[in-house]
Amino acid sequence: MEADSTVWWVFEELANIGVRLVIDDFGRGFSNLARLRGFPFVAIKIDCNFIRNLPNSPRDPAIFRAMHVIAKELDLKTVAEGIETAKQEEFVSRFGVDYFQEYRFGHPMPVDKLKRYTQH
């Protein structure tokens, strides 16, 4: 991500051919607010470290809400990573998260099992 002008060009070309770009692990490392200004992302995946202790953490709910509001203001979809409990699902659902991800909904599986799983 150091060469922003080159990365920008590649991301624009990908977007032009229909590839939808999502920021993974938003809120950590290179997945920061500055990336939202320049690149053609369609969604952010809020990092599981901000989900893990919901709703009981003293600070994580505020951080989660802030990231979600920023995404919505920028017309981006949101994915909540790390949903493993009913309480976490309930908390993020109240804010209109677009997608959930993690073991509460399914574990990684081979393609043949996935095909059987999705045919029911």
C-alpha atoms as a PDB file:
ATOM      1  CA  MET A   1       0.000   0.000   0.000  1.00  0.00           C
ATOM      2  CA  GLU A   2       3.059   2.253  -0.031  1.00  0.00           C
ATOM      3  CA  ALA A   3       2.706   3.044  -3.751  1.00  0.00           C
ATOM      4  CA  ASP A   4      -0.717   4.648  -3.540  1.00  0.00           C
ATOM      5  CA  SER A   5      -0.795   5.957  -7.127  1.00  0.00           C
ATOM      6  CA  THR A   6      -0.060   2.503  -8.553  1.00  0.00           C
ATOM      7  CA  VAL A   7      -2.490   0.838  -6.184  1.00  0.00           C
ATOM      8  CA  TRP A   8      -5.137   3.430  -7.065  1.00  0.00           C
ATOM      9  CA  TRP A   9      -4.764   2.683 -10.763  1.00  0.00           C
ATOM     10  CA  VAL A  10      -5.017  -1.095 -10.228  1.00  0.00           C
ATOM     11  CA  PHE A  11      -8.059  -0.713  -7.967  1.00  0.00           C
ATOM     12  CA  GLU A  12      -9.766   1.582 -10.496  1.00  0.00           C
ATOM     13  CA  GLU A  13      -9.124  -0.896 -13.310  1.00  0.00           C
ATOM     14  CA  LEU A  14     -10.519  -3.733 -11.199  1.00  0.00           C
ATOM     15  CA  ALA A  15     -13.596  -1.667 -10.345  1.00  0.00           C
ATOM     16  CA  ASN A  16     -14.054  -0.835 -14.047  1.00  0.00           C
ATOM     17  CA  ILE A  17     -14.303  -4.530 -14.940  1.00  0.00           C
ATOM     18  CA  GLY A  18     -16.822  -5.185 -12.174  1.00  0.00           C
ATOM     19  CA  VAL A  19     -14.652  -6.387  -9.316  1.00  0.00           C
ATOM     20  CA  ARG A  20     -16.089  -5.196  -6.010  1.00  0.00           C
ATOM     21  CA  LEU A  21     -13.402  -4.216  -3.539  1.00  0.00           C
ATOM     22  CA  VAL A  22     -13.784  -4.618   0.217  1.00  0.00           C
ATOM     23  CA  ILE A  23     -11.435  -3.437   2.957  1.00  0.00           C
ATOM     24  CA  ASP A  24     -10.670  -6.433   5.147  1.00  0.00           C
ATOM     25  CA  ASP A  25      -9.838  -6.106   8.866  1.00  0.00           C
ATOM     26  CA  PHE A  26     -10.963  -2.474   8.907  1.00  0.00           C
ATOM     27  CA  GLY A  27      -9.540  -0.567  11.856  1.00  0.00           C
ATOM     28  CA  ARG A  28      -6.187  -2.370  11.969  1.00  0.00           C
ATOM     29  CA  GLY A  29      -2.869  -1.861  10.242  1.00  0.00           C
ATOM     30  CA  PHE A  30      -3.157  -0.527   6.692  1.00  0.00           C
ATOM     31  CA  SER A  31      -6.964  -0.717   6.759  1.00  0.00           C
ATOM     32  CA  ASN A  32      -7.418   2.793   8.063  1.00  0.00           C
ATOM     33  CA  LEU A  33      -9.590   5.846   7.455  1.00  0.00           C
ATOM     34  CA  ALA A  34      -7.199   7.305   4.885  1.00  0.00           C
ATOM     35  CA  ARG A  35      -7.955   4.354   2.578  1.00  0.00           C
ATOM     36  CA  LEU A  36     -11.631   5.330   2.472  1.00  0.00           C
ATOM     37  CA  ARG A  37     -10.842   8.664   0.833  1.00  0.00           C
ATOM     38  CA  GLY A  38      -9.140   7.468  -2.266  1.00  0.00           C
ATOM     39  CA  PHE A  39      -9.942   3.922  -3.221  1.00  0.00           C
ATOM     40  CA  PRO A  40     -13.146   2.616  -4.853  1.00  0.00           C
ATOM     41  CA  PHE A  41     -14.248   0.256  -2.088  1.00  0.00           C
ATOM     42  CA  VAL A  42     -17.851  -0.938  -1.796  1.00  0.00           C
ATOM     43  CA  ALA A  43     -17.658  -2.285   1.753  1.00  0.00           C
ATOM     44  CA  ILE A  44     -15.625  -2.534   4.919  1.00  0.00           C
ATOM     45  CA  LYS A  45     -15.210  -5.620   7.060  1.00  0.00           C
ATOM     46  CA  ILE A  46     -15.044  -4.384  10.660  1.00  0.00           C
ATOM     47  CA  ASP A  47     -12.197  -6.308  12.260  1.00  0.00           C
ATOM     48  CA  CYS A  48     -13.147  -9.047  14.714  1.00  0.00           C
ATOM     49  CA  ASN A  49     -11.071  -7.403  17.436  1.00  0.00           C
ATOM     50  CA  PHE A  50     -13.764  -4.711  17.637  1.00  0.00           C
ATOM     51  CA  ILE A  51     -16.538  -7.332  17.719  1.00  0.00           C
ATOM     52  CA  ARG A  52     -15.093  -9.941  20.083  1.00  0.00           C
ATOM     53  CA  ASN A  53     -16.033  -8.165  23.339  1.00  0.00           C
ATOM     54  CA  LEU A  54     -19.394  -6.745  22.248  1.00  0.00           C
ATOM     55  CA  PRO A  55     -21.635  -5.682  23.815  1.00  0.00           C
ATOM     56  CA  ASN A  56     -19.896  -5.754  27.225  1.00  0.00           C
ATOM     57  CA  SER A  57     -16.642  -3.934  26.503  1.00  0.00           C
ATOM     58  CA  PRO A  58     -16.435  -0.369  27.820  1.00  0.00           C
ATOM     59  CA  ARG A  59     -15.023   1.028  24.530  1.00  0.00           C
ATOM     60  CA  ASP A  60     -15.605  -1.419  21.691  1.00  0.00           C
ATOM     61  CA  PRO A  61     -19.303  -0.542  21.231  1.00  0.00           C
ATOM     62  CA  ALA A  62     -18.398   3.106  20.622  1.00  0.00           C
ATOM     63  CA  ILE A  63     -15.628   2.182  18.193  1.00  0.00           C
ATOM     64  CA  PHE A  64     -17.927  -0.233  16.353  1.00  0.00           C
ATOM     65  CA  ARG A  65     -20.713   2.353  16.070  1.00  0.00           C
ATOM     66  CA  ALA A  66     -18.281   5.008  14.803  1.00  0.00           C
ATOM     67  CA  MET A  67     -16.889   2.722  12.086  1.00  0.00           C
ATOM     68  CA  HIS A  68     -20.391   1.685  11.058  1.00  0.00           C
ATOM     69  CA  VAL A  69     -21.619   5.298  10.842  1.00  0.00           C
ATOM     70  CA  ILE A  70     -18.593   6.320   8.762  1.00  0.00           C
ATOM     71  CA  ALA A  71     -19.249   3.439   6.362  1.00  0.00           C
ATOM     72  CA  LYS A  72     -22.918   4.352   5.982  1.00  0.00           C
ATOM     73  CA  GLU A  73     -22.120   8.042   5.467  1.00  0.00           C
ATOM     74  CA  LEU A  74     -19.787   6.976   2.633  1.00  0.00           C
ATOM     75  CA  ASP A  75     -22.463   4.650   1.186  1.00  0.00           C
ATOM     76  CA  LEU A  76     -20.411   1.539   1.945  1.00  0.00           C
ATOM     77  CA  LYS A  77     -21.741  -1.840   3.037  1.00  0.00           C
ATOM     78  CA  THR A  78     -20.568  -3.224   6.373  1.00  0.00           C
ATOM     79  CA  VAL A  79     -19.502  -6.725   7.326  1.00  0.00           C
ATOM     80  CA  ALA A  80     -19.165  -7.611  11.012  1.00  0.00           C
ATOM     81  CA  GLU A  81     -16.309 -10.108  11.353  1.00  0.00           C
ATOM     82  CA  GLY A  82     -16.112 -12.435  14.299  1.00  0.00           C
ATOM     83  CA  ILE A  83     -19.775 -12.912  15.191  1.00  0.00           C
ATOM     84  CA  GLU A  84     -19.784 -15.954  17.447  1.00  0.00           C
ATOM     85  CA  THR A  85     -22.556 -15.292  19.981  1.00  0.00           C
ATOM     86  CA  ALA A  86     -26.217 -14.337  19.914  1.00  0.00           C
ATOM     87  CA  LYS A  87     -25.417 -11.197  21.941  1.00  0.00           C
ATOM     88  CA  GLN A  88     -22.880 -10.039  19.360  1.00  0.00           C
ATOM     89  CA  GLU A  89     -25.324 -10.722  16.539  1.00  0.00           C
ATOM     90  CA  GLU A  90     -28.093  -8.848  18.344  1.00  0.00           C
ATOM     91  CA  PHE A  91     -25.852  -5.859  19.077  1.00  0.00           C
ATOM     92  CA  VAL A  92     -24.592  -5.352  15.528  1.00  0.00           C
ATOM     93  CA  SER A  93     -28.035  -6.076  14.055  1.00  0.00           C
ATOM     94  CA  ARG A  94     -29.441  -3.013  15.796  1.00  0.00           C
ATOM     95  CA  PHE A  95     -27.187  -0.845  13.629  1.00  0.00           C
ATOM     96  CA  GLY A  96     -28.163  -2.364  10.299  1.00  0.00           C
ATOM     97  CA  VAL A  97     -24.963  -4.225   9.510  1.00  0.00           C
ATOM     98  CA  ASP A  98     -25.258  -5.618   5.999  1.00  0.00           C
ATOM     99  CA  TYR A  99     -23.416  -8.913   6.484  1.00  0.00           C
ATOM    100  CA  PHE A 100     -22.214 -11.142   9.310  1.00  0.00           C
ATOM    101  CA  GLN A 101     -19.200 -13.397   9.199  1.00  0.00           C
ATOM    102  CA  GLU A 102     -17.833 -16.109  11.458  1.00  0.00           C
ATOM    103  CA  TYR A 103     -18.511 -19.409  13.163  1.00  0.00           C
ATOM    104  CA  ARG A 104     -21.973 -18.555  14.474  1.00  0.00           C
ATOM    105  CA  PHE A 105     -23.176 -18.966  10.892  1.00  0.00           C
ATOM    106  CA  GLY A 106     -20.885 -21.649   9.570  1.00  0.00           C
ATOM    107  CA  HIS A 107     -17.413 -23.078   9.652  1.00  0.00           C
ATOM    108  CA  PRO A 108     -15.006 -23.346   6.710  1.00  0.00           C
ATOM    109  CA  MET A 109     -15.845 -26.418   4.641  1.00  0.00           C
ATOM    110  CA  PRO A 110     -14.807 -28.180   1.443  1.00  0.00           C
ATOM    111  CA  VAL A 111     -16.581 -27.148  -1.750  1.00  0.00           C
ATOM    112  CA  ASP A 112     -18.540 -30.409  -2.065  1.00  0.00           C
ATOM    113  CA  LYS A 113     -19.946 -30.008   1.453  1.00  0.00           C
ATOM    114  CA  LEU A 114     -20.757 -26.342   0.760  1.00  0.00           C
ATOM    115  CA  LYS A 115     -22.713 -27.347  -2.345  1.00  0.00           C
ATOM    116  CA  ARG A 116     -24.755 -29.853  -0.314  1.00  0.00           C
ATOM    117  CA  TYR A 117     -25.233 -27.307   2.473  1.00  0.00           C
ATOM    118  CA  THR A 118     -26.541 -24.583   0.150  1.00  0.00           C
ATOM    119  CA  GLN A 119     -28.911 -26.843  -1.815  1.00  0.00           C
ATOM    120  CA  HIS A 120     -31.322 -27.296   1.114  1.00  0.00           C
END
